[in-house]
Protein backbone atom coordinates (compact mmCIF):
# COMPACT_ATOMS: atom_id res chain seq x y z
CA UNK A 1 141.71 319.84 209.47
CA UNK A 2 138.47 320.85 207.80
CA UNK A 3 135.67 321.65 210.19
CA UNK A 4 132.94 320.67 207.76
CA UNK A 5 132.55 318.57 204.63
CA UNK A 6 131.84 321.68 202.61
CA UNK A 7 135.58 322.12 202.12
CA UNK A 8 135.78 318.80 200.30
CA UNK A 9 133.09 319.42 197.69
CA UNK A 10 135.37 320.52 194.86
CA UNK A 11 137.45 317.35 194.80
CA UNK A 12 136.08 315.06 197.48
CA UNK A 13 139.39 313.26 197.45
CA UNK A 14 139.89 310.65 200.16
CA UNK A 15 142.42 312.81 202.09
CA UNK A 16 139.83 315.59 202.44
CA UNK A 17 137.21 313.18 203.76
CA UNK A 18 139.70 311.64 206.19
CA UNK A 19 140.62 315.12 207.45
CA UNK A 20 136.96 315.87 208.01
CA UNK A 21 136.46 312.62 209.94
CA UNK A 22 139.53 313.41 212.05
CA UNK A 23 138.02 316.77 212.94
CA UNK A 24 134.75 315.17 214.02
CA UNK A 25 136.58 312.78 216.34
CA UNK A 26 139.14 315.20 217.72
CA UNK A 27 136.68 317.33 219.67
CA UNK A 28 132.93 318.07 219.88
CA UNK A 29 131.54 320.24 217.08
CA UNK A 30 130.36 323.80 217.76
CA UNK A 31 127.36 325.70 216.43
CA UNK A 32 129.22 327.00 213.34
CA UNK A 33 130.18 323.45 212.38
CA UNK A 34 126.57 322.30 212.63
CA UNK A 35 125.40 325.20 210.47
CA UNK A 36 128.05 324.35 207.87
CA UNK A 37 127.11 320.67 207.78
CA UNK A 38 123.41 321.56 207.49
CA UNK A 39 124.02 323.95 204.62
CA UNK A 40 123.34 323.12 200.98
CA UNK A 41 127.07 322.75 200.37
CA UNK A 42 127.48 320.40 203.31
CA UNK A 43 124.47 318.34 202.23
CA UNK A 44 125.78 318.06 198.68
CA UNK A 45 129.22 317.02 199.91
CA UNK A 46 127.73 314.20 201.97
CA UNK A 47 125.61 313.03 199.05
CA UNK A 48 128.71 312.86 196.85
CA UNK A 49 130.58 310.95 199.57
CA UNK A 50 127.71 308.46 199.74
CA UNK A 51 127.79 307.91 195.99
CA UNK A 52 131.57 307.89 195.64
CA UNK A 53 132.21 305.30 198.33
CA UNK A 54 128.82 303.54 198.38
CA UNK A 55 128.21 304.35 202.04
CA UNK A 56 124.58 305.48 201.85
CA UNK A 57 123.59 303.95 205.20
CA UNK A 58 126.35 305.80 207.04
CA UNK A 59 125.53 309.13 205.43
CA UNK A 60 121.82 308.56 206.06
CA UNK A 61 122.53 308.08 209.78
CA UNK A 62 124.69 311.21 209.92
CA UNK A 63 122.12 313.27 208.02
CA UNK A 64 119.29 312.02 210.23
CA UNK A 65 121.16 313.28 213.29
CA UNK A 66 121.96 316.63 211.68
CA UNK A 67 118.47 317.19 210.29
CA UNK A 68 116.88 317.32 213.72
CA UNK A 69 114.43 320.25 213.93
CA UNK A 70 116.22 321.71 216.97
CA UNK A 71 118.43 324.82 216.61
CA UNK A 72 122.09 324.39 215.67
CA UNK A 73 123.28 325.59 219.07
CA UNK A 74 121.12 323.02 220.87
CA UNK A 75 122.23 320.23 218.54
CA UNK A 76 125.88 321.19 219.10
CA UNK A 77 125.30 320.88 222.84
CA UNK A 78 123.60 317.50 222.41
CA UNK A 79 126.48 316.21 220.28
CA UNK A 80 128.97 317.51 222.86
CA UNK A 81 127.16 315.49 225.53
CA UNK A 82 127.18 312.43 223.29
CA UNK A 83 130.91 312.90 222.60
CA UNK A 84 131.67 313.14 226.32
CA UNK A 85 129.55 310.09 227.14
CA UNK A 86 131.07 307.98 224.38
CA UNK A 87 134.73 308.99 224.27
CA UNK A 88 135.60 310.71 227.54
CA UNK A 89 133.33 309.11 230.10
CA UNK A 90 131.14 310.78 232.70
CA UNK A 91 132.02 308.47 235.57
CA UNK A 92 134.87 306.02 235.08
CA UNK A 93 136.13 304.84 231.72
CA UNK A 94 134.56 305.99 228.43
CA UNK A 95 132.31 303.63 226.49
CA UNK A 96 134.62 303.74 223.46
CA UNK A 97 138.32 304.62 223.40
CA UNK A 98 139.64 307.01 220.77
CA UNK A 99 143.15 305.56 221.10
CA UNK A 100 144.64 302.61 219.25
CA UNK A 101 146.17 301.50 222.54
CA UNK A 102 142.65 301.26 223.99
CA UNK A 103 141.57 302.29 227.45
CA UNK A 104 145.19 302.34 228.62
CA UNK A 105 147.00 304.99 226.53
CA UNK A 106 150.75 305.42 226.21
CA UNK A 107 151.25 301.81 225.20
CA UNK A 108 153.14 300.32 222.26
CA UNK A 109 150.84 302.00 219.72
CA UNK A 110 151.63 305.41 221.22
CA UNK A 111 155.37 304.92 220.77
CA UNK A 112 154.95 303.52 217.26
CA UNK A 113 152.88 306.50 216.14
CA UNK A 114 155.32 308.96 217.69
CA UNK A 115 158.12 307.30 215.72
CA UNK A 116 156.07 307.46 212.50
CA UNK A 117 155.41 311.17 212.98
CA UNK A 118 159.13 311.80 213.45
CA UNK A 119 159.94 309.65 210.43
CA UNK A 120 157.53 311.68 208.30
CA UNK A 121 158.92 314.91 209.74
CA UNK A 122 155.47 315.96 210.89
CA UNK A 123 154.86 318.16 213.89
CA UNK A 124 151.43 318.54 215.46
CA UNK A 125 150.57 321.82 217.11
CA UNK A 126 147.47 322.72 219.07
CA UNK A 127 146.50 319.10 219.76
CA UNK A 128 147.17 317.89 223.28
CA UNK A 129 146.60 314.19 222.59
CA UNK A 130 148.83 311.09 222.45
CA UNK A 131 150.00 310.25 218.91
CA UNK A 132 147.80 307.13 218.68
CA UNK A 133 144.61 309.19 218.95
CA UNK A 134 142.30 308.26 216.06
CA UNK A 135 142.33 311.83 214.73
CA UNK A 136 146.14 311.81 214.62
CA UNK A 137 146.24 308.52 212.73
CA UNK A 138 143.60 309.67 210.23
CA UNK A 139 145.47 312.94 209.70
CA UNK A 140 148.73 311.06 209.01
CA UNK A 141 146.94 308.73 206.60
CA UNK A 142 145.47 311.73 204.78
CA UNK A 143 148.85 313.48 204.64
CA UNK A 144 150.50 310.37 203.17
CA UNK A 145 147.85 310.13 200.46
CA UNK A 146 148.03 313.83 199.71
CA UNK A 147 151.85 313.75 199.41
CA UNK A 148 151.82 310.73 197.13
CA UNK A 149 153.61 308.60 199.73
CA UNK A 150 152.23 305.21 198.63
CA UNK A 151 154.32 303.27 201.14
CA UNK A 152 153.27 305.51 204.03
CA UNK A 153 149.61 305.43 203.00
CA UNK A 154 149.65 301.63 202.77
CA UNK A 155 151.29 301.43 206.20
CA UNK A 156 148.66 303.66 207.78
CA UNK A 157 145.85 301.79 206.06
CA UNK A 158 147.12 298.49 207.46
CA UNK A 159 147.41 300.08 210.89
CA UNK A 160 143.89 301.50 210.86
CA UNK A 161 142.21 298.44 209.38
CA UNK A 162 143.66 296.37 212.23
CA UNK A 163 141.70 298.16 214.95
CA UNK A 164 139.04 300.43 213.43
CA UNK A 165 136.50 297.62 212.63
CA UNK A 166 136.23 296.72 216.32
CA UNK A 167 136.23 300.38 217.29
CA UNK A 168 133.44 301.03 214.79
CA UNK A 169 131.39 298.12 216.11
CA UNK A 170 131.76 299.38 219.70
CA UNK A 171 130.85 302.91 218.68
CA UNK A 172 127.76 301.79 216.79
CA UNK A 173 126.72 299.59 219.70
CA UNK A 174 126.59 302.59 222.01
CA UNK A 175 125.36 305.14 219.43
CA UNK A 176 123.56 303.04 216.81
CA UNK A 177 121.37 305.75 215.30
CA UNK A 178 123.41 308.74 216.41
CA UNK A 179 125.84 311.08 214.72
CA UNK A 180 128.97 309.30 215.99
CA UNK A 181 127.54 305.91 215.11
CA UNK A 182 127.22 307.18 211.54
CA UNK A 183 130.75 308.60 211.63
CA UNK A 184 132.09 305.21 212.76
CA UNK A 185 130.16 303.46 209.99
CA UNK A 186 131.48 305.90 207.39
CA UNK A 187 135.09 305.46 208.51
CA UNK A 188 134.88 301.70 208.28
CA UNK A 189 133.31 301.96 204.81
CA UNK A 190 136.16 304.18 203.61
CA UNK A 191 138.83 301.81 204.91
CA UNK A 192 137.16 298.91 203.11
CA UNK A 193 136.66 300.83 199.85
CA UNK A 194 137.64 298.87 196.71
CA UNK A 195 141.27 299.28 195.77
CA UNK A 196 142.60 300.41 199.15
CA UNK A 197 143.96 296.92 199.88
CA UNK A 198 145.47 296.53 196.42
CA UNK A 199 149.23 296.66 195.98
CA UNK A 200 148.85 297.75 192.35
CA UNK A 201 145.90 299.49 190.68
CA UNK A 202 145.73 299.58 186.89
CA UNK A 203 143.09 302.12 185.77
CA UNK A 204 141.43 301.16 182.49
CA UNK A 205 139.55 303.22 179.94
CA UNK A 206 135.82 303.58 179.50
CA UNK A 207 134.15 302.91 176.17
CA UNK A 208 134.44 306.64 175.40
CA UNK A 209 138.24 306.43 175.51
CA UNK A 210 138.91 303.39 173.31
CA UNK A 211 138.12 302.09 169.82
CA UNK A 212 136.01 299.01 169.17
CA UNK A 213 133.45 297.35 166.89
CA UNK A 214 130.01 296.87 168.43
CA UNK A 215 127.35 294.38 167.38
CA UNK A 216 123.76 295.66 167.43
CA UNK A 217 120.69 293.51 168.13
CA UNK A 218 119.94 291.38 171.21
CA UNK A 219 119.33 288.21 169.18
CA UNK A 220 119.75 289.14 165.54
CA UNK A 221 123.10 291.00 165.73
CA UNK A 222 121.89 292.48 162.47
CA UNK A 223 124.30 295.43 162.44
CA UNK A 224 127.85 296.31 163.35
CA UNK A 225 129.02 299.80 164.24
CA UNK A 226 132.41 301.47 164.34
CA UNK A 227 132.84 302.69 167.92
CA UNK A 228 135.50 305.36 167.61
CA UNK A 229 136.83 306.82 170.84
CA UNK A 230 135.46 310.22 171.78
CA UNK A 231 138.45 311.41 173.80
CA UNK A 232 141.94 310.17 174.50
CA UNK A 233 142.39 308.22 177.77
CA UNK A 234 142.30 310.61 180.71
CA UNK A 235 144.79 310.73 183.56
CA UNK A 236 146.63 307.38 183.85
CA UNK A 237 143.92 305.20 182.26
CA UNK A 238 144.98 302.74 179.56
CA UNK A 239 143.12 300.26 177.37
CA UNK A 240 142.74 296.73 178.71
CA UNK A 241 144.71 295.52 175.69
CA UNK A 242 147.57 297.94 176.33
CA UNK A 243 147.63 296.99 180.03
CA UNK A 244 147.97 293.28 179.29
CA UNK A 245 150.48 293.95 176.53
CA UNK A 246 152.63 295.86 179.03
CA UNK A 247 152.32 293.05 181.58
CA UNK A 248 153.32 290.52 178.96
CA UNK A 249 156.21 292.75 177.94
CA UNK A 250 157.57 292.66 181.48
CA UNK A 251 157.22 288.87 181.44
CA UNK A 252 159.02 288.62 178.10
CA UNK A 253 155.95 287.43 176.15
CA UNK A 254 154.79 290.68 174.51
CA UNK A 255 155.31 289.52 170.91
CA UNK A 256 153.38 286.29 171.52
CA UNK A 257 150.48 288.28 172.99
CA UNK A 258 150.26 291.18 170.53
CA UNK A 259 151.47 289.36 167.40
CA UNK A 260 152.88 292.72 166.38
CA UNK A 261 149.52 294.54 166.40
CA UNK A 262 148.25 297.46 168.41
CA UNK A 263 144.61 298.28 169.21
CA UNK A 264 143.69 299.47 165.70
CA UNK A 265 145.73 296.68 164.14
CA UNK A 266 143.55 294.05 165.82
CA UNK A 267 140.32 295.90 165.00
CA UNK A 268 141.32 296.02 161.34
CA UNK A 269 142.28 292.31 161.43
CA UNK A 270 138.95 291.29 162.95
CA UNK A 271 137.02 293.29 160.36
CA UNK A 272 138.99 291.95 157.40
CA UNK A 273 138.45 288.41 158.68
CA UNK A 274 134.71 289.13 158.79
CA UNK A 275 134.88 290.43 155.20
CA UNK A 276 136.31 287.10 154.05
CA UNK A 277 133.57 285.16 155.87
CA UNK A 278 130.89 287.46 154.46
CA UNK A 279 132.16 286.95 150.91
CA UNK A 280 131.65 283.20 151.38
CA UNK A 281 128.01 283.95 152.17
CA UNK A 282 127.62 286.15 149.10
CA UNK A 283 127.83 289.37 151.08
CA UNK A 284 130.19 292.15 150.10
CA UNK A 285 131.35 294.44 152.91
CA UNK A 286 133.12 297.77 152.31
CA UNK A 287 136.84 298.04 152.93
CA UNK A 288 137.85 298.79 156.49
CA UNK A 289 138.69 302.47 155.99
CA UNK A 290 135.24 303.15 154.51
CA UNK A 291 133.52 301.28 157.34
CA UNK A 292 135.56 303.01 160.03
CA UNK A 293 134.96 306.51 158.70
CA UNK A 294 131.21 305.98 158.37
CA UNK A 295 128.82 307.18 161.06
CA UNK A 296 126.14 304.66 160.11
CA UNK A 297 125.72 301.04 161.28
CA UNK A 298 126.55 298.39 158.73
CA UNK A 299 123.42 296.26 158.21
CA UNK A 300 123.21 292.57 157.36
CA UNK A 301 120.17 291.10 155.59
CA UNK A 302 117.75 289.18 157.81
CA UNK A 303 116.29 286.03 156.25
CA UNK A 304 112.70 284.84 156.56
CA UNK A 305 113.73 282.07 158.96
CA UNK A 306 115.38 284.56 161.27
CA UNK A 307 112.36 286.84 161.13
CA UNK A 308 110.15 283.96 162.27
CA UNK A 309 112.44 282.99 165.16
CA UNK A 310 110.71 281.12 168.00
CA UNK A 311 112.63 280.28 171.15
CA UNK A 312 113.10 276.51 171.66
CA UNK A 313 111.17 275.79 168.46
CA UNK A 314 113.14 272.61 167.71
CA UNK A 315 112.57 271.32 171.23
CA UNK A 316 108.87 272.06 171.02
CA UNK A 317 108.60 270.31 167.65
CA UNK A 318 110.42 267.18 168.82
CA UNK A 319 111.45 267.04 172.52
CA UNK A 320 113.13 263.64 172.10
CA UNK A 321 115.43 264.44 169.20
CA UNK A 322 116.07 268.01 170.36
CA UNK A 323 116.45 267.52 174.11
CA UNK A 324 117.62 270.42 176.23
CA UNK A 325 120.89 270.42 178.13
CA UNK A 326 119.23 269.56 181.46
CA UNK A 327 119.47 266.24 183.33
CA UNK A 328 116.07 265.17 182.01
CA UNK A 329 116.35 266.88 178.64
CA UNK A 330 113.26 268.89 179.50
CA UNK A 331 112.46 272.22 181.09
CA UNK A 332 113.08 271.71 184.82
CA UNK A 333 111.91 273.70 187.84
CA UNK A 334 113.97 271.65 190.31
CA UNK A 335 117.75 271.19 190.25
CA UNK A 336 119.28 268.29 192.13
CA UNK A 337 122.74 269.83 191.64
CA UNK A 338 121.73 273.05 193.37
CA UNK A 339 119.99 271.05 196.11
CA UNK A 340 123.25 269.25 196.89
CA UNK A 341 125.05 272.58 197.30
CA UNK A 342 122.70 273.53 200.17
CA UNK A 343 122.83 277.25 199.52
CA UNK A 344 121.04 279.43 202.06
CA UNK A 345 120.16 282.03 199.46
CA UNK A 346 119.43 279.81 196.44
CA UNK A 347 116.86 277.00 196.86
CA UNK A 348 116.74 274.28 194.16
CA UNK A 349 113.30 275.40 192.94
CA UNK A 350 111.39 278.69 192.55
CA UNK A 351 110.45 279.97 196.00
CA UNK A 352 109.51 283.15 197.82
CA UNK A 353 112.49 284.59 199.66
CA UNK A 354 112.12 287.60 201.91
CA UNK A 355 113.96 290.52 200.27
CA UNK A 356 116.19 292.87 202.21
CA UNK A 357 113.44 295.44 202.22
CA UNK A 358 109.84 295.64 201.01
CA UNK A 359 106.71 297.55 201.87
CA UNK A 360 105.05 295.81 204.80
CA UNK A 361 107.99 293.47 205.37
CA UNK A 362 109.35 292.42 208.77
CA UNK A 363 112.32 294.82 208.51
CA UNK A 364 110.50 297.76 206.92
CA UNK A 365 111.47 301.12 208.42
CA UNK A 366 109.57 303.49 206.14
CA UNK A 367 105.94 303.59 204.96
CA UNK A 368 106.85 304.23 201.31
CA UNK A 369 107.87 301.95 198.47
CA UNK A 370 109.79 302.97 195.36
CA UNK A 371 109.04 301.48 191.95
CA UNK A 372 111.77 302.34 189.48
CA UNK A 373 110.80 302.24 185.84
CA UNK A 374 112.77 303.20 182.76
CA UNK A 375 113.14 306.98 182.50
CA UNK A 376 111.54 308.39 179.39
CA UNK A 377 114.68 310.19 178.29
CA UNK A 378 117.38 307.58 178.86
CA UNK A 379 118.14 303.94 179.70
CA UNK A 380 119.11 303.30 183.33
CA UNK A 381 122.10 305.52 184.18
CA UNK A 382 123.31 305.64 180.59
CA UNK A 383 123.42 309.14 179.12
CA UNK A 384 122.82 310.54 182.61
CA UNK A 385 125.89 312.72 182.26
CA UNK A 386 124.77 314.27 178.97
CA UNK A 387 122.60 317.26 178.03
CA UNK A 388 119.57 314.92 177.85
CA UNK A 389 119.35 315.11 181.62
CA UNK A 390 118.42 318.79 181.38
CA UNK A 391 115.14 317.82 179.72
CA UNK A 392 113.70 316.17 182.81
CA UNK A 393 115.86 316.90 185.88
CA UNK A 394 114.40 319.21 188.53
CA UNK A 395 116.96 321.60 189.96
CA UNK A 396 119.62 319.14 188.89
CA UNK A 397 117.98 316.22 190.71
CA UNK A 398 116.31 313.02 189.60
CA UNK A 399 112.51 313.44 189.68
CA UNK A 400 110.59 311.21 192.06
CA UNK A 401 106.81 311.00 191.55
CA UNK A 402 104.88 310.67 194.80
CA UNK A 403 101.38 309.32 195.36
CA UNK A 404 99.17 312.40 195.89
CA UNK A 405 97.37 310.61 198.74
CA UNK A 406 100.59 310.56 200.79
CA UNK A 407 100.74 313.57 203.13
CA UNK A 408 103.70 315.79 202.38
CA UNK A 409 104.98 315.69 205.97
CA UNK A 410 104.85 311.89 205.96
CA UNK A 411 106.40 311.55 202.51
CA UNK A 412 109.29 313.89 203.08
CA UNK A 413 110.68 314.17 206.61
CA UNK A 414 113.62 316.20 205.24
CA UNK A 415 111.62 319.18 203.96
CA UNK A 416 111.40 318.77 200.18
CA UNK A 417 114.00 316.01 200.00
CA UNK A 418 112.88 312.40 199.69
CA UNK A 419 115.16 309.46 200.53
CA UNK A 420 114.03 306.69 198.19
CA UNK A 421 114.36 303.37 200.04
CA UNK A 422 117.07 303.24 202.69
CA UNK A 423 120.20 303.39 200.58
CA UNK A 424 119.21 305.12 197.33
CA UNK A 425 120.27 308.56 196.25
CA UNK A 426 118.36 311.70 197.11
CA UNK A 427 115.58 312.75 194.76
CA UNK A 428 113.62 315.98 194.38
CA UNK A 429 109.96 315.08 194.73
CA UNK A 430 107.18 316.73 192.75
């Protein structure tokens, strides 16, 4: 088992993260482990885990415990005390049991896990714990995933998901803002990650891996563009069309679905159909092969009426003859239909609703507020993975502009790192 998340940076596959969690729960961490987790590699690994499995809160709690200003040796001692208090007990029973069988080990779960270990031909050395210890179960789950044993992995996932949520809740109750409370939160997030409960996962391609025709213009749709794939589908990804064609093939309806065409066959058919329609409007489009080989958008003429477009112009000119599709035919600010639904989070009229977090709000934890505008070099996260990012990133991080009136020590409790909001990614502040 890996002693620190640094070992998982290269792939950050789920088995590596599960092994790391097992190590944290098998025994208290020593000074070397703390140093490793505090290192740049350990910090980066945790950031990637937070992004990969959308568990920012859990990682934030773990990092907050690790980023204490005390020396690594002292922190290791503090975590050892916390481990003993939580999982071993100082006087009497521990606050939280590390065994599936609960506070009374060697029950049915112990025998079941022993049988599973024998079935998988796995032998555990150097661990003097019953087989239903949480570290043992996590290690077996990781081994099943790593070996490609889908049936074994699904079995262990079902087993863990049956008792870990309550275990996590108990752990967080007794160590809400501590290291082990964060570990419990992270484990539960991993077990509930999208796809883990699925019997079948069909990976589909991104827009870079498939061909298509794209319309350009929010309202005008004044251009169309040949979107040729950049690379072939990677790993086991397939186009949505190919996936459904295969499903239909197994149901005996492939010919009815595909009509004898593949991806490019349908794209060509759609374009040729558009050429016929365009000819009826006195527009002549190039043949498909010319359009597809061109790197320029194909433009359509925009008439004077379209250039002078005004939203709801007909309604404004004559509200009676051009009524809207509302109950009254007019612009409404109250909806009787929504009122009847009695939603807690959607009133029937515009209203102020307290957001999850805001500066000065009742649940505010931090004295800073982030305002996210459009980056100058890209749109949202699009093109973030391209060379354009090099033009503005600072040491490979997203820049975060801070108010100069905010003291540095107040703005950045983690040295030069700034945690924007409570769940956002880390940014390098300037």
